[in-house]
Amino acid sequence: MVSTVSFVAMAVACALLTVNTSPCYAARLLADTPAVPGLPAVPTLPATLPPLPTVPTVPMPTVPQVTLPPMPAIPSVPNVAVPTVPTVTLPPMPAVPGVPTTVPAVTLPPMPAIPGIPTSVPAVTLPPMPTIPGVPKVTLPPMPSVPSVPMPFQAPSTSP
């Protein structure tokens, strides 16, 4: 389990280093970890890659030339005289009746009586809570620590 996690961590470090040339914290943290005994060395990439194979060319089909008939002439639109709209004189706007500025005094009927609301809450007795059987206490084994992979949500160590 530990060797698998270390291998995955080294693979992630190699992927980060090959994708991005600028150093990032995770790549440096993973690359600076000591080698785990029992793991094979990570193979290096060759300096030159083999040439890419040539892509075969596909002949394009020839498109036959077609002669289109001439465009038909667009009929002319007759010039129609637009009738003139006669000017109309509207009657004056009727006067808006004035809004009174004072509110007339109105006497309202008396407010109906509100029945009394009891202020005391009646006592309610609840049945006893059923007993819950005891859950056995389980002690989990400590989580194994992997030296090359930091624990999640743990601050990075400042030790060299």
N, C-alpha and C. Protein backbone atom coordinates (compact mmCIF):
# COMPACT_ATOMS: atom_id res chain seq x y z
N MET A 1 0.83 -1.19 0.00
CA MET A 1 0.00 0.00 0.00
C MET A 1 0.86 1.25 0.00
N VAL A 2 1.89 1.23 0.86
CA VAL A 2 2.76 2.41 0.95
C VAL A 2 3.52 2.59 -0.35
N SER A 3 4.00 1.50 -0.94
CA SER A 3 4.77 1.63 -2.18
C SER A 3 3.89 2.10 -3.33
N THR A 4 2.62 1.67 -3.36
CA THR A 4 1.72 2.12 -4.41
C THR A 4 1.46 3.61 -4.30
N VAL A 5 1.23 4.08 -3.08
CA VAL A 5 0.98 5.51 -2.88
C VAL A 5 2.23 6.31 -3.25
N SER A 6 3.41 5.82 -2.87
CA SER A 6 4.65 6.52 -3.21
C SER A 6 4.85 6.55 -4.72
N PHE A 7 4.52 5.45 -5.39
CA PHE A 7 4.66 5.43 -6.85
C PHE A 7 3.73 6.44 -7.51
N VAL A 8 2.49 6.51 -7.00
CA VAL A 8 1.53 7.48 -7.56
C VAL A 8 2.03 8.89 -7.30
N ALA A 9 2.59 9.13 -6.11
CA ALA A 9 3.10 10.47 -5.80
C ALA A 9 4.24 10.83 -6.73
N MET A 10 5.13 9.88 -7.00
CA MET A 10 6.23 10.16 -7.91
C MET A 10 5.74 10.37 -9.34
N ALA A 11 4.69 9.63 -9.74
CA ALA A 11 4.13 9.81 -11.08
C ALA A 11 3.52 11.19 -11.21
N VAL A 12 2.82 11.64 -10.18
CA VAL A 12 2.23 12.98 -10.19
C VAL A 12 3.33 14.03 -10.25
N ALA A 13 4.41 13.81 -9.50
CA ALA A 13 5.52 14.77 -9.52
C ALA A 13 6.14 14.84 -10.90
N CYS A 14 6.34 13.69 -11.54
CA CYS A 14 6.91 13.68 -12.89
C CYS A 14 5.98 14.37 -13.88
N ALA A 15 4.68 14.12 -13.75
CA ALA A 15 3.72 14.75 -14.65
C ALA A 15 3.73 16.27 -14.47
N LEU A 16 3.80 16.73 -13.23
CA LEU A 16 3.83 18.17 -12.98
C LEU A 16 5.11 18.79 -13.53
N LEU A 17 6.22 18.07 -13.39
CA LEU A 17 7.49 18.62 -13.87
C LEU A 17 7.56 18.64 -15.39
N THR A 18 6.94 17.66 -16.06
CA THR A 18 7.00 17.65 -17.52
C THR A 18 6.00 18.61 -18.13
N VAL A 19 4.87 18.86 -17.48
CA VAL A 19 3.85 19.75 -18.04
C VAL A 19 4.24 21.21 -17.86
N ASN A 20 4.69 21.54 -16.68
CA ASN A 20 4.96 22.94 -16.36
C ASN A 20 6.45 23.08 -16.06
N THR A 21 7.12 23.98 -16.77
CA THR A 21 8.54 24.16 -16.53
C THR A 21 8.82 25.03 -15.33
N SER A 22 7.87 25.85 -14.91
CA SER A 22 8.11 26.68 -13.74
C SER A 22 7.91 25.82 -12.49
N PRO A 23 8.77 25.98 -11.47
CA PRO A 23 8.65 25.13 -10.28
C PRO A 23 7.39 25.49 -9.49
N CYS A 24 6.66 24.50 -9.07
CA CYS A 24 5.51 24.76 -8.22
C CYS A 24 5.75 24.04 -6.89
N TYR A 25 5.00 24.44 -5.89
CA TYR A 25 5.25 23.96 -4.54
C TYR A 25 5.05 22.45 -4.43
N ALA A 26 3.97 21.94 -5.06
CA ALA A 26 3.70 20.51 -4.94
C ALA A 26 4.78 19.69 -5.63
N ALA A 27 5.23 20.15 -6.78
CA ALA A 27 6.27 19.41 -7.50
C ALA A 27 7.57 19.43 -6.70
N ARG A 28 7.91 20.58 -6.12
CA ARG A 28 9.13 20.65 -5.33
C ARG A 28 9.02 19.79 -4.09
N LEU A 29 7.85 19.78 -3.46
CA LEU A 29 7.66 18.99 -2.25
C LEU A 29 7.79 17.50 -2.56
N LEU A 30 7.19 17.08 -3.69
CA LEU A 30 7.27 15.67 -4.05
C LEU A 30 8.64 15.30 -4.60
N ALA A 31 9.30 16.20 -5.31
CA ALA A 31 10.60 15.90 -5.88
C ALA A 31 11.69 15.89 -4.83
N ASP A 32 11.54 16.65 -3.74
CA ASP A 32 12.56 16.74 -2.71
C ASP A 32 12.49 15.60 -1.71
N THR A 33 11.50 14.73 -1.81
CA THR A 33 11.39 13.64 -0.85
C THR A 33 12.44 12.59 -1.17
N PRO A 34 12.97 11.92 -0.15
CA PRO A 34 13.99 10.90 -0.43
C PRO A 34 13.36 9.71 -1.14
N ALA A 35 14.22 8.97 -1.84
CA ALA A 35 13.74 7.81 -2.58
C ALA A 35 13.27 6.73 -1.61
N VAL A 36 12.19 6.09 -1.95
CA VAL A 36 11.65 5.03 -1.11
C VAL A 36 12.34 3.74 -1.50
N PRO A 37 12.90 3.02 -0.52
CA PRO A 37 13.59 1.78 -0.88
C PRO A 37 12.60 0.75 -1.44
N GLY A 38 13.06 -0.01 -2.41
CA GLY A 38 12.21 -1.04 -3.00
C GLY A 38 11.53 -0.59 -4.27
N LEU A 39 11.54 0.72 -4.56
CA LEU A 39 10.91 1.21 -5.79
C LEU A 39 11.96 1.33 -6.88
N PRO A 40 11.62 0.97 -8.11
CA PRO A 40 12.58 1.15 -9.19
C PRO A 40 12.76 2.63 -9.50
N ALA A 41 13.88 2.97 -10.06
CA ALA A 41 14.14 4.37 -10.41
C ALA A 41 13.19 4.79 -11.52
N VAL A 42 12.83 6.06 -11.52
CA VAL A 42 11.93 6.58 -12.54
C VAL A 42 12.73 6.73 -13.83
N PRO A 43 12.27 6.13 -14.93
CA PRO A 43 13.04 6.26 -16.17
C PRO A 43 13.02 7.69 -16.67
N THR A 44 14.12 8.09 -17.27
CA THR A 44 14.19 9.45 -17.82
C THR A 44 13.72 9.43 -19.26
N LEU A 45 13.28 10.57 -19.73
CA LEU A 45 12.83 10.70 -21.11
C LEU A 45 14.04 10.82 -22.02
N PRO A 46 13.98 10.27 -23.24
CA PRO A 46 15.12 10.44 -24.15
C PRO A 46 15.27 11.89 -24.56
N ALA A 47 16.50 12.27 -24.91
CA ALA A 47 16.76 13.68 -25.27
C ALA A 47 16.06 14.04 -26.57
N THR A 48 16.03 13.13 -27.51
CA THR A 48 15.34 13.41 -28.78
C THR A 48 14.25 12.38 -28.97
N LEU A 49 13.14 12.82 -29.46
CA LEU A 49 12.02 11.93 -29.72
C LEU A 49 12.06 11.46 -31.16
N PRO A 50 11.54 10.27 -31.44
CA PRO A 50 11.54 9.81 -32.84
C PRO A 50 10.64 10.69 -33.69
N PRO A 51 10.93 10.79 -34.98
CA PRO A 51 10.09 11.66 -35.83
C PRO A 51 8.68 11.09 -35.95
N LEU A 52 7.75 11.99 -36.13
CA LEU A 52 6.36 11.58 -36.30
C LEU A 52 6.18 10.95 -37.67
N PRO A 53 5.32 9.93 -37.78
CA PRO A 53 5.09 9.33 -39.10
C PRO A 53 4.39 10.32 -40.01
N THR A 54 4.64 10.18 -41.28
CA THR A 54 4.01 11.09 -42.24
C THR A 54 2.54 10.72 -42.41
N VAL A 55 1.73 11.72 -42.56
CA VAL A 55 0.30 11.52 -42.75
C VAL A 55 0.05 11.36 -44.25
N PRO A 56 -0.62 10.28 -44.65
CA PRO A 56 -0.84 10.11 -46.10
C PRO A 56 -1.78 11.19 -46.62
N THR A 57 -1.53 11.60 -47.84
CA THR A 57 -2.37 12.64 -48.44
C THR A 57 -3.57 11.98 -49.10
N VAL A 58 -4.69 12.62 -48.99
CA VAL A 58 -5.93 12.11 -49.58
C VAL A 58 -6.27 13.03 -50.74
N PRO A 59 -6.46 12.48 -51.94
CA PRO A 59 -6.79 13.37 -53.07
C PRO A 59 -8.19 13.94 -52.90
N MET A 60 -8.28 15.21 -53.18
CA MET A 60 -9.57 15.88 -53.08
C MET A 60 -10.36 15.64 -54.37
N PRO A 61 -11.66 15.36 -54.26
CA PRO A 61 -12.44 15.16 -55.49
C PRO A 61 -12.61 16.48 -56.22
N THR A 62 -12.66 16.38 -57.52
CA THR A 62 -12.84 17.60 -58.32
C THR A 62 -14.32 17.95 -58.38
N VAL A 63 -14.59 19.22 -58.28
CA VAL A 63 -15.97 19.70 -58.32
C VAL A 63 -16.26 20.13 -59.75
N PRO A 64 -17.34 19.60 -60.35
CA PRO A 64 -17.63 20.00 -61.73
C PRO A 64 -18.06 21.47 -61.80
N GLN A 65 -17.62 22.13 -62.85
CA GLN A 65 -17.99 23.54 -63.04
C GLN A 65 -19.39 23.60 -63.65
N VAL A 66 -20.24 24.43 -63.04
CA VAL A 66 -21.61 24.55 -63.49
C VAL A 66 -21.85 25.99 -63.91
N THR A 67 -22.50 26.17 -65.03
CA THR A 67 -22.85 27.51 -65.48
C THR A 67 -24.28 27.80 -65.03
N LEU A 68 -24.45 28.88 -64.30
CA LEU A 68 -25.77 29.25 -63.81
C LEU A 68 -26.48 30.12 -64.82
N PRO A 69 -27.81 30.03 -64.87
CA PRO A 69 -28.54 30.91 -65.81
C PRO A 69 -28.45 32.36 -65.33
N PRO A 70 -28.67 33.29 -66.20
CA PRO A 70 -28.59 34.69 -65.77
C PRO A 70 -29.69 35.03 -64.77
N MET A 71 -29.39 35.97 -63.93
CA MET A 71 -30.33 36.40 -62.89
C MET A 71 -31.48 37.13 -63.55
N PRO A 72 -32.72 36.80 -63.16
CA PRO A 72 -33.84 37.53 -63.79
C PRO A 72 -33.86 38.99 -63.34
N ALA A 73 -34.39 39.81 -64.19
CA ALA A 73 -34.45 41.25 -63.89
C ALA A 73 -35.47 41.50 -62.78
N ILE A 74 -35.14 42.42 -61.89
CA ILE A 74 -36.04 42.77 -60.79
C ILE A 74 -37.03 43.79 -61.31
N PRO A 75 -38.34 43.52 -61.17
CA PRO A 75 -39.32 44.49 -61.67
C PRO A 75 -39.24 45.78 -60.87
N SER A 76 -39.46 46.87 -61.56
CA SER A 76 -39.39 48.16 -60.87
C SER A 76 -40.67 48.39 -60.08
N VAL A 77 -40.50 49.08 -58.96
CA VAL A 77 -41.64 49.38 -58.09
C VAL A 77 -42.23 50.71 -58.55
N PRO A 78 -43.55 50.73 -58.83
CA PRO A 78 -44.12 52.01 -59.28
C PRO A 78 -44.08 53.04 -58.16
N ASN A 79 -43.85 54.26 -58.53
CA ASN A 79 -43.80 55.35 -57.57
C ASN A 79 -45.22 55.80 -57.29
N VAL A 80 -45.70 55.52 -56.08
CA VAL A 80 -47.08 55.85 -55.72
C VAL A 80 -47.05 57.12 -54.87
N ALA A 81 -47.97 58.01 -55.17
CA ALA A 81 -48.05 59.26 -54.40
C ALA A 81 -48.67 58.97 -53.05
N VAL A 82 -48.00 59.42 -51.98
CA VAL A 82 -48.50 59.23 -50.62
C VAL A 82 -49.50 60.35 -50.34
N PRO A 83 -50.72 59.96 -49.89
CA PRO A 83 -51.69 61.04 -49.62
C PRO A 83 -51.23 61.87 -48.42
N THR A 84 -51.57 63.14 -48.45
CA THR A 84 -51.21 64.02 -47.35
C THR A 84 -52.22 63.84 -46.23
N VAL A 85 -51.75 63.89 -45.00
CA VAL A 85 -52.62 63.74 -43.84
C VAL A 85 -53.09 65.14 -43.45
N PRO A 86 -54.40 65.31 -43.34
CA PRO A 86 -54.88 66.66 -42.98
C PRO A 86 -54.54 66.97 -41.53
N THR A 87 -54.28 68.22 -41.25
CA THR A 87 -54.00 68.63 -39.88
C THR A 87 -55.31 68.72 -39.12
N VAL A 88 -55.29 68.26 -37.90
CA VAL A 88 -56.50 68.24 -37.07
C VAL A 88 -56.24 69.08 -35.84
N THR A 89 -57.20 69.89 -35.47
CA THR A 89 -57.11 70.68 -34.25
C THR A 89 -57.93 69.97 -33.18
N LEU A 90 -57.26 69.61 -32.08
CA LEU A 90 -57.94 68.90 -31.00
C LEU A 90 -58.57 69.91 -30.05
N PRO A 91 -59.68 69.49 -29.42
CA PRO A 91 -60.28 70.41 -28.45
C PRO A 91 -59.38 70.51 -27.22
N PRO A 92 -59.52 71.55 -26.44
CA PRO A 92 -58.66 71.69 -25.26
C PRO A 92 -58.97 70.59 -24.24
N MET A 93 -57.95 70.25 -23.46
CA MET A 93 -58.09 69.22 -22.43
C MET A 93 -59.03 69.73 -21.35
N PRO A 94 -59.98 68.89 -20.90
CA PRO A 94 -60.87 69.37 -19.84
C PRO A 94 -60.08 69.55 -18.53
N ALA A 95 -60.56 70.44 -17.71
CA ALA A 95 -59.88 70.73 -16.45
C ALA A 95 -60.05 69.56 -15.49
N VAL A 96 -58.98 69.24 -14.77
CA VAL A 96 -59.02 68.17 -13.78
C VAL A 96 -59.60 68.75 -12.50
N PRO A 97 -60.58 68.07 -11.91
CA PRO A 97 -61.14 68.63 -10.68
C PRO A 97 -60.07 68.68 -9.59
N GLY A 98 -60.14 69.67 -8.78
CA GLY A 98 -59.15 69.87 -7.73
C GLY A 98 -59.21 68.78 -6.66
N VAL A 99 -58.07 68.40 -6.13
CA VAL A 99 -57.99 67.40 -5.08
C VAL A 99 -57.97 68.15 -3.75
N PRO A 100 -58.86 67.77 -2.82
CA PRO A 100 -58.85 68.51 -1.54
C PRO A 100 -57.55 68.24 -0.79
N THR A 101 -57.03 69.26 -0.18
CA THR A 101 -55.77 69.12 0.56
C THR A 101 -56.00 68.72 2.00
N THR A 102 -57.21 68.89 2.51
CA THR A 102 -57.48 68.49 3.89
C THR A 102 -58.30 67.21 3.88
N VAL A 103 -58.01 66.31 4.81
CA VAL A 103 -58.73 65.06 4.93
C VAL A 103 -59.95 65.31 5.80
N PRO A 104 -61.13 64.91 5.33
CA PRO A 104 -62.31 65.15 6.17
C PRO A 104 -62.26 64.28 7.43
N ALA A 105 -62.77 64.82 8.52
CA ALA A 105 -62.79 64.10 9.79
C ALA A 105 -63.92 63.07 9.75
N VAL A 106 -63.57 61.83 10.08
CA VAL A 106 -64.55 60.76 10.06
C VAL A 106 -64.50 60.08 11.42
N THR A 107 -65.65 59.80 11.99
CA THR A 107 -65.69 59.08 13.27
C THR A 107 -65.87 57.60 12.99
N LEU A 108 -64.98 56.80 13.52
CA LEU A 108 -65.03 55.36 13.33
C LEU A 108 -65.80 54.70 14.46
N PRO A 109 -66.40 53.54 14.21
CA PRO A 109 -67.09 52.85 15.30
C PRO A 109 -66.06 52.33 16.30
N PRO A 110 -66.47 52.07 17.51
CA PRO A 110 -65.50 51.59 18.50
C PRO A 110 -64.95 50.20 18.11
N MET A 111 -63.71 49.96 18.52
CA MET A 111 -63.04 48.69 18.23
C MET A 111 -63.73 47.58 19.01
N PRO A 112 -64.02 46.43 18.40
CA PRO A 112 -64.67 45.36 19.17
C PRO A 112 -63.70 44.81 20.22
N ALA A 113 -64.23 44.28 21.27
CA ALA A 113 -63.41 43.74 22.35
C ALA A 113 -62.74 42.45 21.90
N ILE A 114 -61.47 42.27 22.27
CA ILE A 114 -60.72 41.06 21.94
C ILE A 114 -60.83 40.12 23.13
N PRO A 115 -61.21 38.88 22.89
CA PRO A 115 -61.32 37.97 24.04
C PRO A 115 -59.94 37.78 24.67
N GLY A 116 -59.93 37.51 25.95
CA GLY A 116 -58.67 37.38 26.68
C GLY A 116 -57.87 36.17 26.23
N ILE A 117 -56.55 36.32 26.16
CA ILE A 117 -55.65 35.24 25.78
C ILE A 117 -55.01 34.74 27.07
N PRO A 118 -55.09 33.44 27.33
CA PRO A 118 -54.48 32.97 28.58
C PRO A 118 -52.96 33.15 28.54
N THR A 119 -52.41 33.63 29.62
CA THR A 119 -50.96 33.87 29.67
C THR A 119 -50.21 32.66 30.21
N SER A 120 -50.91 31.74 30.86
CA SER A 120 -50.21 30.58 31.39
C SER A 120 -50.39 29.41 30.43
N VAL A 121 -49.33 28.64 30.23
CA VAL A 121 -49.36 27.48 29.34
C VAL A 121 -49.71 26.26 30.18
N PRO A 122 -50.67 25.47 29.75
CA PRO A 122 -51.01 24.30 30.56
C PRO A 122 -49.84 23.33 30.62
N ALA A 123 -49.67 22.67 31.73
CA ALA A 123 -48.58 21.72 31.92
C ALA A 123 -48.88 20.45 31.13
N VAL A 124 -47.90 20.00 30.38
CA VAL A 124 -48.05 18.80 29.57
C VAL A 124 -46.98 17.81 30.02
N THR A 125 -47.40 16.59 30.28
CA THR A 125 -46.42 15.57 30.67
C THR A 125 -46.15 14.68 29.47
N LEU A 126 -44.87 14.47 29.19
CA LEU A 126 -44.46 13.65 28.07
C LEU A 126 -44.12 12.25 28.57
N PRO A 127 -44.32 11.24 27.74
CA PRO A 127 -43.92 9.89 28.16
C PRO A 127 -42.40 9.82 28.27
N PRO A 128 -41.89 8.91 29.07
CA PRO A 128 -40.43 8.84 29.21
C PRO A 128 -39.77 8.41 27.89
N MET A 129 -38.56 8.88 27.70
CA MET A 129 -37.79 8.58 26.49
C MET A 129 -37.38 7.11 26.52
N PRO A 130 -37.55 6.39 25.42
CA PRO A 130 -37.13 4.99 25.44
C PRO A 130 -35.61 4.90 25.56
N THR A 131 -35.16 3.86 26.18
CA THR A 131 -33.71 3.70 26.37
C THR A 131 -33.07 3.21 25.09
N ILE A 132 -31.90 3.72 24.81
CA ILE A 132 -31.16 3.34 23.62
C ILE A 132 -30.10 2.34 24.07
N PRO A 133 -30.01 1.21 23.40
CA PRO A 133 -28.98 0.24 23.83
C PRO A 133 -27.60 0.84 23.64
N GLY A 134 -26.68 0.47 24.49
CA GLY A 134 -25.34 1.03 24.44
C GLY A 134 -24.60 0.61 23.19
N VAL A 135 -23.90 1.54 22.57
CA VAL A 135 -23.12 1.26 21.37
C VAL A 135 -21.71 0.92 21.83
N PRO A 136 -21.17 -0.20 21.41
CA PRO A 136 -19.82 -0.55 21.88
C PRO A 136 -18.79 0.44 21.35
N LYS A 137 -17.83 0.78 22.16
CA LYS A 137 -16.81 1.72 21.77
C LYS A 137 -15.79 0.99 20.90
N VAL A 138 -15.47 1.59 19.76
CA VAL A 138 -14.55 0.98 18.81
C VAL A 138 -13.32 1.87 18.71
N THR A 139 -12.17 1.28 18.84
CA THR A 139 -10.93 2.04 18.69
C THR A 139 -10.33 1.69 17.34
N LEU A 140 -10.14 2.70 16.50
CA LEU A 140 -9.58 2.48 15.18
C LEU A 140 -8.07 2.45 15.27
N PRO A 141 -7.42 1.66 14.42
CA PRO A 141 -5.96 1.66 14.44
C PRO A 141 -5.45 3.00 13.90
N PRO A 142 -4.26 3.40 14.29
CA PRO A 142 -3.75 4.69 13.79
C PRO A 142 -3.53 4.62 12.29
N MET A 143 -3.72 5.77 11.64
CA MET A 143 -3.57 5.84 10.19
C MET A 143 -2.09 5.82 9.86
N PRO A 144 -1.67 4.95 8.92
CA PRO A 144 -0.24 4.90 8.61
C PRO A 144 0.18 6.18 7.89
N SER A 145 1.34 6.67 8.21
CA SER A 145 1.81 7.89 7.56
C SER A 145 2.72 7.51 6.41
N VAL A 146 2.57 8.19 5.31
CA VAL A 146 3.39 7.97 4.14
C VAL A 146 4.39 9.12 4.10
N PRO A 147 5.69 8.83 4.09
CA PRO A 147 6.65 9.93 4.21
C PRO A 147 6.66 10.87 3.02
N SER A 148 6.33 10.41 1.83
CA SER A 148 6.43 11.29 0.66
C SER A 148 5.14 12.01 0.33
N VAL A 149 4.02 11.68 0.99
CA VAL A 149 2.74 12.30 0.68
C VAL A 149 2.27 13.05 1.91
N PRO A 150 2.05 14.37 1.80
CA PRO A 150 1.60 15.12 2.99
C PRO A 150 0.17 14.75 3.35
N MET A 151 -0.14 14.84 4.64
CA MET A 151 -1.51 14.56 5.09
C MET A 151 -2.43 15.66 4.57
N PRO A 152 -3.69 15.32 4.25
CA PRO A 152 -4.59 16.36 3.77
C PRO A 152 -4.88 17.37 4.86
N PHE A 153 -5.01 18.62 4.45
CA PHE A 153 -5.33 19.76 5.32
C PHE A 153 -4.26 19.97 6.39
N GLN A 154 -3.07 19.51 6.17
CA GLN A 154 -2.01 19.72 7.14
C GLN A 154 -1.07 20.78 6.58
N ALA A 155 -0.65 21.68 7.45
CA ALA A 155 0.25 22.73 7.01
C ALA A 155 1.57 22.10 6.58
N PRO A 156 2.18 22.60 5.53
CA PRO A 156 3.45 22.02 5.10
C PRO A 156 4.53 22.28 6.13
N SER A 157 5.41 21.29 6.29
CA SER A 157 6.47 21.44 7.28
C SER A 157 7.55 22.36 6.71
N THR A 158 8.19 23.09 7.60
CA THR A 158 9.23 24.02 7.17
C THR A 158 10.61 23.42 7.32
N SER A 159 10.67 22.14 7.73
CA SER A 159 11.98 21.53 7.88
C SER A 159 12.57 21.21 6.51
N PRO A 160 13.89 21.32 6.36
CA PRO A 160 14.50 21.08 5.03
C PRO A 160 14.48 19.62 4.67
